[in-house]
C-alpha atoms as a PDB file:
ATOM      1  CA  MET A   1      78.964 110.831  46.875  1.00  0.00           C
ATOM      2  CA  THR A   2      76.191 110.838  49.533  1.00  0.00           C
ATOM      3  CA  PHE A   3      76.591 110.073  53.108  1.00  0.00           C
ATOM      4  CA  ARG A   4      74.521 109.971  56.294  1.00  0.00           C
ATOM      5  CA  ALA A   5      74.609 112.851  58.766  1.00  0.00           C
ATOM      6  CA  LEU A   6      72.679 114.154  61.723  1.00  0.00           C
ATOM      7  CA  VAL A   7      71.573 117.693  60.638  1.00  0.00           C
ATOM      8  CA  ALA A   8      70.393 120.390  63.040  1.00  0.00           C
ATOM      9  CA  ARG A   9      67.859 122.888  61.655  1.00  0.00           C
ATOM     10  CA  LYS A  10      66.180 125.870  63.310  1.00  0.00           C
ATOM     11  CA  SER A  11      62.623 126.959  62.909  1.00  0.00           C
ATOM     12  CA  ASP A  12      61.775 130.150  64.890  1.00  0.00           C
ATOM     13  CA  LYS A  13      63.464 129.365  68.182  1.00  0.00           C
ATOM     14  CA  THR A  14      63.295 125.647  68.053  1.00  0.00           C
ATOM     15  CA  ILE A  15      66.196 123.387  67.076  1.00  0.00           C
ATOM     16  CA  SER A  16      65.511 119.945  65.681  1.00  0.00           C
ATOM     17  CA  ALA A  17      68.045 117.357  64.496  1.00  0.00           C
ATOM     18  CA  SER A  18      67.452 114.287  62.336  1.00  0.00           C
ATOM     19  CA  VAL A  19      69.498 111.829  60.180  1.00  0.00           C
ATOM     20  CA  GLU A  20      69.587 112.949  56.492  1.00  0.00           C
ATOM     21  CA  ALA A  21      71.425 112.107  53.298  1.00  0.00           C
ATOM     22  CA  MET A  22      73.975 114.753  52.281  1.00  0.00           C
ATOM     23  CA  GLU A  23      76.179 115.315  49.260  1.00  0.00           C
ATOM     24  CA  GLU A  24      79.931 115.584  49.729  1.00  0.00           C
ATOM     25  CA  THR A  25      79.732 118.918  47.925  1.00  0.00           C
ATOM     26  CA  GLU A  26      77.797 120.275  50.956  1.00  0.00           C
ATOM     27  CA  LEU A  27      80.723 119.806  53.250  1.00  0.00           C
ATOM     28  CA  HIS A  28      82.463 123.095  54.301  1.00  0.00           C
ATOM     29  CA  ASP A  29      85.877 124.172  53.030  1.00  0.00           C
ATOM     30  CA  GLY A  30      88.977 122.476  54.420  1.00  0.00           C
ATOM     31  CA  ASP A  31      92.296 120.955  53.497  1.00  0.00           C
ATOM     32  CA  VAL A  32      91.586 117.366  54.588  1.00  0.00           C
ATOM     33  CA  THR A  33      88.605 115.100  53.909  1.00  0.00           C
ATOM     34  CA  ILE A  34      88.019 112.400  56.526  1.00  0.00           C
ATOM     35  CA  ALA A  35      86.090 109.115  56.532  1.00  0.00           C
ATOM     36  CA  VAL A  36      84.596 109.476  59.979  1.00  0.00           C
ATOM     37  CA  GLU A  37      84.253 106.328  61.998  1.00  0.00           C
ATOM     38  CA  TRP A  38      83.366 107.537  65.559  1.00  0.00           C
ATOM     39  CA  SER A  39      82.078 110.583  67.379  1.00  0.00           C
ATOM     40  CA  THR A  40      80.906 111.064  70.946  1.00  0.00           C
ATOM     41  CA  VAL A  41      78.431 113.036  73.068  1.00  0.00           C
ATOM     42  CA  ASN A  42      79.795 115.696  75.425  1.00  0.00           C
ATOM     43  CA  TYR A  43      78.028 118.305  77.613  1.00  0.00           C
ATOM     44  CA  LYS A  44      78.663 120.901  74.931  1.00  0.00           C
ATOM     45  CA  ASP A  45      76.893 118.717  72.385  1.00  0.00           C
ATOM     46  CA  GLY A  46      73.831 118.735  74.704  1.00  0.00           C
ATOM     47  CA  LEU A  47      73.985 122.540  74.761  1.00  0.00           C
ATOM     48  CA  ALA A  48      74.266 122.624  70.973  1.00  0.00           C
ATOM     49  CA  ILE A  49      71.424 120.352  70.146  1.00  0.00           C
ATOM     50  CA  SER A  50      69.073 121.747  72.797  1.00  0.00           C
ATOM     51  CA  GLY A  51      69.861 125.361  71.904  1.00  0.00           C
ATOM     52  CA  ALA A  52      70.515 126.136  75.589  1.00  0.00           C
ATOM     53  CA  GLY A  53      74.005 127.381  75.001  1.00  0.00           C
ATOM     54  CA  ASN A  54      73.651 129.138  71.575  1.00  0.00           C
ATOM     55  CA  VAL A  55      76.605 126.893  70.479  1.00  0.00           C
ATOM     56  CA  ILE A  56      75.468 126.458  66.871  1.00  0.00           C
ATOM     57  CA  GLN A  57      75.825 129.859  65.108  1.00  0.00           C
ATOM     58  CA  THR A  58      74.724 128.941  61.569  1.00  0.00           C
ATOM     59  CA  PHE A  59      71.994 126.569  60.265  1.00  0.00           C
ATOM     60  CA  PRO A  60      71.655 124.040  58.901  1.00  0.00           C
ATOM     61  CA  LEU A  61      74.690 122.434  60.545  1.00  0.00           C
ATOM     62  CA  ILE A  62      75.976 118.945  61.417  1.00  0.00           C
ATOM     63  CA  PRO A  63      76.622 119.037  65.258  1.00  0.00           C
ATOM     64  CA  GLY A  64      79.296 117.106  67.015  1.00  0.00           C
ATOM     65  CA  ILE A  65      82.347 118.721  68.584  1.00  0.00           C
ATOM     66  CA  ASP A  66      84.485 115.503  68.164  1.00  0.00           C
ATOM     67  CA  LEU A  67      85.382 113.132  65.442  1.00  0.00           C
ATOM     68  CA  ALA A  68      87.899 110.499  64.705  1.00  0.00           C
ATOM     69  CA  GLY A  69      88.534 108.655  61.440  1.00  0.00           C
ATOM     70  CA  THR A  70      90.859 108.069  58.466  1.00  0.00           C
ATOM     71  CA  VAL A  71      92.163 110.573  56.025  1.00  0.00           C
ATOM     72  CA  GLU A  72      90.620 110.065  52.485  1.00  0.00           C
ATOM     73  CA  ALA A  73      92.146 113.045  50.670  1.00  0.00           C
ATOM     74  CA  SER A  74      94.474 115.909  51.675  1.00  0.00           C
ATOM     75  CA  SER A  75      95.905 118.980  50.165  1.00  0.00           C
ATOM     76  CA  ASP A  76      97.857 119.552  53.494  1.00  0.00           C
ATOM     77  CA  PRO A  77     101.353 117.927  53.190  1.00  0.00           C
ATOM     78  CA  ARG A  78     101.326 117.080  56.890  1.00  0.00           C
ATOM     79  CA  PHE A  79      98.541 114.518  56.360  1.00  0.00           C
ATOM     80  CA  ALA A  80      98.352 111.595  53.924  1.00  0.00           C
ATOM     81  CA  SER A  81      95.533 109.237  52.808  1.00  0.00           C
ATOM     82  CA  GLY A  82      95.089 106.380  55.349  1.00  0.00           C
ATOM     83  CA  GLU A  83      96.350 108.216  58.367  1.00  0.00           C
ATOM     84  CA  ARG A  84      94.252 108.014  61.582  1.00  0.00           C
ATOM     85  CA  VAL A  85      93.343 111.480  62.894  1.00  0.00           C
ATOM     86  CA  VAL A  86      91.272 113.153  65.583  1.00  0.00           C
ATOM     87  CA  VAL A  87      89.648 116.565  65.892  1.00  0.00           C
ATOM     88  CA  ASN A  88      88.421 118.143  69.218  1.00  0.00           C
ATOM     89  CA  SER A  89      86.359 121.305  69.242  1.00  0.00           C
ATOM     90  CA  TRP A  90      87.850 124.275  67.210  1.00  0.00           C
ATOM     91  CA  GLY A  91      84.818 125.387  65.113  1.00  0.00           C
ATOM     92  CA  LEU A  92      83.065 122.075  64.983  1.00  0.00           C
ATOM     93  CA  SER A  93      79.344 122.324  65.792  1.00  0.00           C
ATOM     94  CA  GLN A  94      79.516 126.131  65.914  1.00  0.00           C
ATOM     95  CA  THR A  95      80.333 127.454  62.455  1.00  0.00           C
ATOM     96  CA  HIS A  96      81.722 124.293  60.841  1.00  0.00           C
ATOM     97  CA  HIS A  97      80.076 120.864  60.192  1.00  0.00           C
ATOM     98  CA  GLY A  98      80.926 118.529  63.022  1.00  0.00           C
ATOM     99  CA  GLY A  99      81.409 114.904  63.817  1.00  0.00           C
ATOM    100  CA  TYR A 100      77.857 113.415  63.541  1.00  0.00           C
ATOM    101  CA  ALA A 101      78.384 112.337  59.935  1.00  0.00           C
ATOM    102  CA  GLU A 102      80.201 109.727  57.835  1.00  0.00           C
ATOM    103  CA  ARG A 103      82.253 112.441  56.193  1.00  0.00           C
ATOM    104  CA  ALA A 104      84.018 115.583  57.325  1.00  0.00           C
ATOM    105  CA  ARG A 105      86.209 118.188  55.706  1.00  0.00           C
ATOM    106  CA  VAL A 106      88.319 120.355  57.989  1.00  0.00           C
ATOM    107  CA  LYS A 107      91.406 122.540  58.215  1.00  0.00           C
ATOM    108  CA  GLY A 108      94.660 120.626  58.665  1.00  0.00           C
ATOM    109  CA  ASP A 109      95.502 122.904  61.595  1.00  0.00           C
ATOM    110  CA  TRP A 110      92.629 121.368  63.492  1.00  0.00           C
ATOM    111  CA  LEU A 111      93.932 117.816  63.073  1.00  0.00           C
ATOM    112  CA  ILE A 112      95.998 115.738  65.428  1.00  0.00           C
ATOM    113  CA  LYS A 113      97.568 112.381  64.263  1.00  0.00           C
ATOM    114  CA  LEU A 114      96.584 109.667  66.755  1.00  0.00           C
ATOM    115  CA  PRO A 115      99.224 107.921  68.681  1.00  0.00           C
ATOM    116  CA  ASP A 116      99.910 104.342  67.531  1.00  0.00           C
ATOM    117  CA  THR A 117      98.328 102.888  70.777  1.00  0.00           C
ATOM    118  CA  ILE A 118      95.081 104.716  70.482  1.00  0.00           C
ATOM    119  CA  SER A 119      92.475 103.517  67.925  1.00  0.00           C
ATOM    120  CA  THR A 120      89.848 105.764  66.397  1.00  0.00           C
ATOM    121  CA  ARG A 121      87.348 104.185  68.741  1.00  0.00           C
ATOM    122  CA  HIS A 122      89.500 104.796  71.783  1.00  0.00           C
ATOM    123  CA  ALA A 123      89.983 108.371  70.638  1.00  0.00           C
ATOM    124  CA  MET A 124      86.281 109.019  70.799  1.00  0.00           C
ATOM    125  CA  ALA A 125      85.843 107.069  74.047  1.00  0.00           C
ATOM    126  CA  ILE A 126      88.271 109.763  75.270  1.00  0.00           C
ATOM    127  CA  GLY A 127      86.778 112.637  73.289  1.00  0.00           C
ATOM    128  CA  THR A 128      86.854 116.278  74.336  1.00  0.00           C
ATOM    129  CA  ALA A 129      85.852 115.287  77.799  1.00  0.00           C
ATOM    130  CA  GLY A 130      88.825 113.041  78.241  1.00  0.00           C
ATOM    131  CA  TYR A 131      91.180 115.392  76.515  1.00  0.00           C
ATOM    132  CA  THR A 132      89.971 118.149  78.793  1.00  0.00           C
ATOM    133  CA  ALA A 133      90.572 115.885  81.749  1.00  0.00           C
ATOM    134  CA  MET A 134      94.184 115.467  80.674  1.00  0.00           C
ATOM    135  CA  LEU A 135      94.659 119.194  80.219  1.00  0.00           C
ATOM    136  CA  SER A 136      93.368 119.584  83.709  1.00  0.00           C
ATOM    137  CA  VAL A 137      95.818 116.931  85.069  1.00  0.00           C
ATOM    138  CA  LEU A 138      98.636 118.828  83.282  1.00  0.00           C
ATOM    139  CA  ALA A 139      97.536 122.034  84.950  1.00  0.00           C
ATOM    140  CA  LEU A 140      97.768 120.418  88.435  1.00  0.00           C
ATOM    141  CA  GLU A 141     101.206 119.029  87.617  1.00  0.00           C
ATOM    142  CA  HIS A 142     102.341 122.452  86.327  1.00  0.00           C
ATOM    143  CA  GLY A 143     101.212 123.976  89.659  1.00  0.00           C
ATOM    144  CA  GLY A 144     103.285 121.462  91.632  1.00  0.00           C
ATOM    145  CA  VAL A 145     100.456 119.219  92.865  1.00  0.00           C
ATOM    146  CA  THR A 146     102.134 115.845  93.264  1.00  0.00           C
ATOM    147  CA  PRO A 147     100.659 112.650  94.910  1.00  0.00           C
ATOM    148  CA  GLU A 148     102.636 113.493  98.080  1.00  0.00           C
ATOM    149  CA  ARG A 149     100.821 116.790  98.543  1.00  0.00           C
ATOM    150  CA  GLY A 150      97.517 115.195  99.311  1.00  0.00           C
ATOM    151  CA  ASP A 151      94.122 114.305  97.940  1.00  0.00           C
ATOM    152  CA  VAL A 152      92.782 115.549  94.611  1.00  0.00           C
ATOM    153  CA  LEU A 153      89.008 116.151  94.342  1.00  0.00           C
ATOM    154  CA  VAL A 154      87.063 115.408  91.160  1.00  0.00           C
ATOM    155  CA  THR A 155      83.584 117.023  90.901  1.00  0.00           C
ATOM    156  CA  GLY A 156      81.015 115.795  88.472  1.00  0.00           C
ATOM    157  CA  ALA A 157      82.749 112.505  88.947  1.00  0.00           C
ATOM    158  CA  SER A 158      80.521 110.147  87.063  1.00  0.00           C
ATOM    159  CA  GLY A 159      80.343 112.352  83.897  1.00  0.00           C
ATOM    160  CA  GLY A 160      82.780 112.197  80.943  1.00  0.00           C
ATOM    161  CA  VAL A 161      85.405 114.523  82.329  1.00  0.00           C
ATOM    162  CA  GLY A 162      85.157 113.173  85.878  1.00  0.00           C
ATOM    163  CA  SER A 163      85.407 109.512  84.775  1.00  0.00           C
ATOM    164  CA  VAL A 164      88.559 109.974  82.719  1.00  0.00           C
ATOM    165  CA  ALA A 165      90.032 112.316  85.367  1.00  0.00           C
ATOM    166  CA  ILE A 166      89.668 109.727  88.063  1.00  0.00           C
ATOM    167  CA  ALA A 167      91.226 106.952  85.876  1.00  0.00           C
ATOM    168  CA  LEU A 168      94.204 109.205  85.091  1.00  0.00           C
ATOM    169  CA  LEU A 169      94.850 110.515  88.512  1.00  0.00           C
ATOM    170  CA  SER A 170      94.626 107.078  90.203  1.00  0.00           C
ATOM    171  CA  ARG A 171      97.056 105.666  87.670  1.00  0.00           C
ATOM    172  CA  LEU A 172      99.492 108.502  88.400  1.00  0.00           C
ATOM    173  CA  GLY A 173      99.421 107.690  92.106  1.00  0.00           C
ATOM    174  CA  TYR A 174      96.994 110.246  93.468  1.00  0.00           C
ATOM    175  CA  ARG A 175      94.491 109.578  96.174  1.00  0.00           C
ATOM    176  CA  VAL A 176      91.161 110.600  94.465  1.00  0.00           C
ATOM    177  CA  VAL A 177      88.117 111.989  96.185  1.00  0.00           C
ATOM    178  CA  ALA A 178      85.073 111.803  93.932  1.00  0.00           C
ATOM    179  CA  SER A 179      82.048 114.110  94.314  1.00  0.00           C
ATOM    180  CA  THR A 180      78.790 112.931  92.766  1.00  0.00           C
ATOM    181  CA  GLY A 181      75.040 113.434  93.171  1.00  0.00           C
ATOM    182  CA  ARG A 182      74.385 109.763  92.217  1.00  0.00           C
ATOM    183  CA  PRO A 183      75.292 107.577  95.181  1.00  0.00           C
ATOM    184  CA  GLN A 184      74.416 104.502  93.128  1.00  0.00           C
ATOM    185  CA  GLU A 185      77.528 105.123  91.059  1.00  0.00           C
ATOM    186  CA  GLU A 186      79.890 104.590  94.023  1.00  0.00           C
ATOM    187  CA  GLY A 187      80.969 101.146  92.865  1.00  0.00           C
ATOM    188  CA  TYR A 188      81.659 102.531  89.357  1.00  0.00           C
ATOM    189  CA  LEU A 189      83.733 105.410  90.709  1.00  0.00           C
ATOM    190  CA  ARG A 190      85.746 103.146  93.051  1.00  0.00           C
ATOM    191  CA  ALA A 191      86.471 100.750  90.069  1.00  0.00           C
ATOM    192  CA  LEU A 192      87.916 103.714  88.202  1.00  0.00           C
ATOM    193  CA  GLY A 193      90.236 104.491  91.031  1.00  0.00           C
ATOM    194  CA  ALA A 194      88.360 106.793  93.492  1.00  0.00           C
ATOM    195  CA  THR A 195      89.490 106.162  97.143  1.00  0.00           C
ATOM    196  CA  GLU A 196      86.630 108.177  98.628  1.00  0.00           C
ATOM    197  CA  VAL A 197      83.208 109.178  97.337  1.00  0.00           C
ATOM    198  CA  ILE A 198      81.375 112.247  98.798  1.00  0.00           C
ATOM    199  CA  ASP A 199      77.918 113.644  98.150  1.00  0.00           C
ATOM    200  CA  ARG A 200      77.871 116.640  95.861  1.00  0.00           C
ATOM    201  CA  ALA A 201      75.365 118.320  98.248  1.00  0.00           C
ATOM    202  CA  THR A 202      78.249 119.047 100.605  1.00  0.00           C
ATOM    203  CA  LEU A 203      79.673 121.377  98.044  1.00  0.00           C
ATOM    204  CA  SER A 204      76.782 122.678  96.024  1.00  0.00           C
ATOM    205  CA  GLY A 205      75.156 124.893  98.664  1.00  0.00           C
ATOM    206  CA  PRO A 206      76.364 128.211 100.119  1.00  0.00           C
ATOM    207  CA  GLY A 207      79.264 128.015 102.615  1.00  0.00           C
ATOM    208  CA  GLY A 208      81.850 130.204 104.207  1.00  0.00           C
ATOM    209  CA  PRO A 209      84.735 132.025 102.262  1.00  0.00           C
ATOM    210  CA  LEU A 210      87.192 129.635 103.908  1.00  0.00           C
ATOM    211  CA  GLY A 211      86.704 126.088 105.105  1.00  0.00           C
ATOM    212  CA  LYS A 212      88.829 123.302 106.483  1.00  0.00           C
ATOM    213  CA  GLU A 213      91.738 122.526 104.116  1.00  0.00           C
ATOM    214  CA  ARG A 214      90.785 119.208 102.590  1.00  0.00           C
ATOM    215  CA  TRP A 215      92.531 118.682  99.160  1.00  0.00           C
ATOM    216  CA  ALA A 216      95.773 119.634  97.495  1.00  0.00           C
ATOM    217  CA  GLY A 217      94.129 119.987  94.144  1.00  0.00           C
ATOM    218  CA  ALA A 218      90.801 119.658  92.275  1.00  0.00           C
ATOM    219  CA  ILE A 219      89.327 119.193  88.761  1.00  0.00           C
ATOM    220  CA  ASP A 220      86.022 120.889  88.679  1.00  0.00           C
ATOM    221  CA  SER A 221      83.521 120.481  85.797  1.00  0.00           C
ATOM    222  CA  VAL A 222      80.612 122.039  87.625  1.00  0.00           C
ATOM    223  CA  GLY A 223      81.377 125.745  88.365  1.00  0.00           C
ATOM    224  CA  SER A 224      79.082 128.090  90.346  1.00  0.00           C
ATOM    225  CA  GLN A 225      78.789 127.452  94.071  1.00  0.00           C
ATOM    226  CA  THR A 226      80.434 124.088  93.796  1.00  0.00           C
ATOM    227  CA  LEU A 227      83.616 125.693  92.482  1.00  0.00           C
ATOM    228  CA  ALA A 228      83.401 128.390  95.299  1.00  0.00           C
ATOM    229  CA  SER A 229      83.136 125.663  97.886  1.00  0.00           C
ATOM    230  CA  VAL A 230      86.034 123.668  96.352  1.00  0.00           C
ATOM    231  CA  LEU A 231      88.296 126.713  96.409  1.00  0.00           C
ATOM    232  CA  ALA A 232      87.314 127.451 100.018  1.00  0.00           C
ATOM    233  CA  GLN A 233      88.470 123.934 101.107  1.00  0.00           C
ATOM    234  CA  THR A 234      91.669 123.727  98.980  1.00  0.00           C
ATOM    235  CA  ARG A 235      94.918 123.474 100.940  1.00  0.00           C
ATOM    236  CA  CYS A 236      97.668 126.097 100.954  1.00  0.00           C
ATOM    237  CA  ARG A 237      99.396 126.439  97.567  1.00  0.00           C
ATOM    238  CA  GLY A 238      96.810 124.038  96.022  1.00  0.00           C
ATOM    239  CA  VAL A 239      95.615 124.185  92.405  1.00  0.00           C
ATOM    240  CA  VAL A 240      92.053 123.934  91.130  1.00  0.00           C
ATOM    241  CA  ALA A 241      91.529 123.348  87.402  1.00  0.00           C
ATOM    242  CA  ALA A 242      88.166 124.766  86.290  1.00  0.00           C
ATOM    243  CA  CYS A 243      86.784 123.153  83.039  1.00  0.00           C
ATOM    244  CA  GLY A 244      82.969 123.161  83.222  1.00  0.00           C
ATOM    245  CA  LEU A 245      79.800 124.884  84.028  1.00  0.00           C
ATOM    246  CA  ALA A 246      77.179 122.247  84.771  1.00  0.00           C
ATOM    247  CA  GLN A 247      75.818 124.066  87.842  1.00  0.00           C
ATOM    248  CA  GLY A 248      76.314 127.626  86.337  1.00  0.00           C
ATOM    249  CA  VAL A 249      78.595 130.238  84.942  1.00  0.00           C
ATOM    250  CA  ASP A 250      78.686 132.378  88.146  1.00  0.00           C
ATOM    251  CA  LEU A 251      81.448 132.165  90.864  1.00  0.00           C
ATOM    252  CA  PRO A 252      80.074 133.288  94.221  1.00  0.00           C
ATOM    253  CA  ALA A 253      83.493 133.292  95.879  1.00  0.00           C
ATOM    254  CA  THR A 254      85.839 135.696  97.666  1.00  0.00           C
ATOM    255  CA  VAL A 255      89.560 136.462  97.144  1.00  0.00           C
ATOM    256  CA  LEU A 256      90.383 134.862 100.581  1.00  0.00           C
ATOM    257  CA  PRO A 257      91.534 131.433  99.274  1.00  0.00           C
ATOM    258  CA  PHE A 258      93.893 133.171  96.859  1.00  0.00           C
ATOM    259  CA  ILE A 259      95.410 135.720  99.178  1.00  0.00           C
ATOM    260  CA  LEU A 260      95.470 133.764 102.400  1.00  0.00           C
ATOM    261  CA  ARG A 261      96.226 130.226 101.132  1.00  0.00           C
ATOM    262  CA  ASN A 262      98.004 131.007  97.766  1.00  0.00           C
ATOM    263  CA  VAL A 263      95.439 128.835  95.996  1.00  0.00           C
ATOM    264  CA  THR A 264      95.629 128.879  92.157  1.00  0.00           C
ATOM    265  CA  LEU A 265      92.549 128.731  89.920  1.00  0.00           C
ATOM    266  CA  ALA A 266      93.659 127.427  86.495  1.00  0.00           C
ATOM    267  CA  GLY A 267      91.206 127.804  83.657  1.00  0.00           C
ATOM    268  CA  ILE A 268      91.086 125.009  81.102  1.00  0.00           C
ATOM    269  CA  ASP A 269      90.207 126.001  77.537  1.00  0.00           C
ATOM    270  CA  SER A 270      89.927 122.872  75.396  1.00  0.00           C
ATOM    271  CA  VAL A 271      88.228 124.524  72.440  1.00  0.00           C
ATOM    272  CA  ASN A 272      91.093 126.802  71.282  1.00  0.00           C
ATOM    273  CA  ALA A 273      94.078 125.084  72.903  1.00  0.00           C
ATOM    274  CA  PRO A 274      97.138 125.442  70.629  1.00  0.00           C
ATOM    275  CA  PRO A 275      98.418 122.325  68.732  1.00  0.00           C
ATOM    276  CA  ALA A 276     101.411 121.857  71.031  1.00  0.00           C
ATOM    277  CA  ALA A 277      99.113 121.560  74.112  1.00  0.00           C
ATOM    278  CA  ARG A 278      96.867 119.141  72.188  1.00  0.00           C
ATOM    279  CA  ILE A 279      99.780 116.939  71.165  1.00  0.00           C
ATOM    280  CA  GLU A 280     101.079 116.892  74.652  1.00  0.00           C
ATOM    281  CA  ALA A 281      97.670 115.918  76.045  1.00  0.00           C
ATOM    282  CA  TRP A 282      97.152 113.107  73.511  1.00  0.00           C
ATOM    283  CA  SER A 283     100.704 111.839  74.053  1.00  0.00           C
ATOM    284  CA  ARG A 284     100.090 111.689  77.808  1.00  0.00           C
ATOM    285  CA  LEU A 285      96.736 110.030  77.284  1.00  0.00           C
ATOM    286  CA  ALA A 286      98.414 107.330  75.256  1.00  0.00           C
ATOM    287  CA  ARG A 287     100.908 106.766  78.128  1.00  0.00           C
ATOM    288  CA  ASP A 288      98.823 107.279  81.325  1.00  0.00           C
ATOM    289  CA  LEU A 289      95.226 106.213  80.556  1.00  0.00           C
ATOM    290  CA  ASP A 290      94.276 102.622  81.328  1.00  0.00           C
ATOM    291  CA  LEU A 291      92.296 101.635  78.251  1.00  0.00           C
ATOM    292  CA  ASP A 292      90.590  98.808  80.124  1.00  0.00           C
ATOM    293  CA  LYS A 293      89.227 101.326  82.629  1.00  0.00           C
ATOM    294  CA  LEU A 294      88.248 103.622  79.753  1.00  0.00           C
ATOM    295  CA  GLU A 295      86.301 100.782  78.262  1.00  0.00           C
ATOM    296  CA  SER A 296      84.341 100.288  81.415  1.00  0.00           C
ATOM    297  CA  THR A 297      82.985 103.885  80.998  1.00  0.00           C
ATOM    298  CA  VAL A 298      81.677 103.359  77.410  1.00  0.00           C
ATOM    299  CA  THR A 299      78.121 103.054  76.004  1.00  0.00           C
ATOM    300  CA  GLU A 300      77.612 102.879  72.222  1.00  0.00           C
ATOM    301  CA  ILE A 301      74.778 104.464  70.190  1.00  0.00           C
ATOM    302  CA  GLY A 302      73.913 105.268  66.625  1.00  0.00           C
ATOM    303  CA  LEU A 303      73.429 108.653  64.865  1.00  0.00           C
ATOM    304  CA  ALA A 304      69.633 108.665  65.345  1.00  0.00           C
ATOM    305  CA  ASP A 305      70.100 108.176  69.208  1.00  0.00           C
ATOM    306  CA  VAL A 306      72.232 111.348  69.604  1.00  0.00           C
ATOM    307  CA  PRO A 307      69.527 113.984  70.259  1.00  0.00           C
ATOM    308  CA  GLU A 308      67.911 111.951  73.078  1.00  0.00           C
ATOM    309  CA  VAL A 309      71.261 111.177  74.715  1.00  0.00           C
ATOM    310  CA  ALA A 310      72.482 114.737  74.329  1.00  0.00           C
ATOM    311  CA  LEU A 311      69.521 116.047  76.322  1.00  0.00           C
ATOM    312  CA  ALA A 312      70.101 113.219  78.972  1.00  0.00           C
ATOM    313  CA  VAL A 313      73.672 114.427  79.374  1.00  0.00           C
ATOM    314  CA  LEU A 314      72.382 117.884  80.160  1.00  0.00           C
ATOM    315  CA  ARG A 315      70.110 116.454  82.845  1.00  0.00           C
ATOM    316  CA  GLY A 316      73.040 114.578  84.430  1.00  0.00           C
ATOM    317  CA  GLU A 317      71.576 111.197  83.594  1.00  0.00           C
ATOM    318  CA  VAL A 318      74.471 109.769  81.557  1.00  0.00           C
ATOM    319  CA  ARG A 319      77.336 107.967  83.103  1.00  0.00           C
ATOM    320  CA  GLY A 320      80.871 108.015  81.616  1.00  0.00           C
ATOM    321  CA  ARG A 321      81.437 108.290  77.895  1.00  0.00           C
ATOM    322  CA  THR A 322      78.949 107.791  75.025  1.00  0.00           C
ATOM    323  CA  LEU A 323      80.410 106.637  71.781  1.00  0.00           C
ATOM    324  CA  VAL A 324      78.576 107.380  68.503  1.00  0.00           C
ATOM    325  CA  ASP A 325      79.086 104.909  65.666  1.00  0.00           C
ATOM    326  CA  VAL A 326      78.325 107.141  62.762  1.00  0.00           C
ATOM    327  CA  ARG A 327      77.973 104.177  60.416  1.00  0.00           C
ATOM    328  CA  ARG A 328      74.861 102.940  62.162  1.00  0.00           C
END
């Protein structure tokens, strides 16, 4: 059986990706074969397709760190034909064929059965970005950050992680401060639930090791100087969940927020999170995410559109979530 796939190839140091016909025998080993219905474009997908992050480790490879679809065949007793499933990260788009194809074969250990209230389309409107946002919210809760403790800041607010984080936090009763470099998106961010919108320039430049205490918690997808500034302005016993590196991988900070204000920096690893953490995150997404708000963040594209959109994501030009209909 042949199927359509976006295949990344490398010539010298240049990566190119185009839609090709592939044979099912070319899929990698796995316990479960999936008829993929939807994928999505995340920041890591932009790194993979551009080659900027050395994400893809073997070529040729089908990129796409996310996929959702229906089980076609399974040798894993935990999964049966016809069940709706989702895969986020693991080895997809690194060493294993990913989600930008009409077929996938993966290890059963990588799969999560979707909650009844979340369709395969919703699952990819959420994607790794939204699942990471939920892991970040759980980290704030674990650290004792409740709505009564004060504001929660979301950086990179108009991106995928930020958009879902704002929708989740506002529904849970938090007062959300959104940081963005795109002032034209203020209406969009307030519709998702942000109470206040600030210019990212107030955080992205050098500042002192400690600043005025402004927020009880934060979800940061930017890293570098922005994360350092966020930490410096976090209230005593606050929690900052770090889940991204859009500005850079460095952290030009001091220990002062940690030893003078008891601030906690919680790292969020969505790639290798254990199954129990993934199941908890997807269960909470089913309960706490307003799907109407989620829908307001969505743009749909086809397989051939992915390379261009992936690069736009890296440039910070894409708002919200981008769904990939792999059948078009």
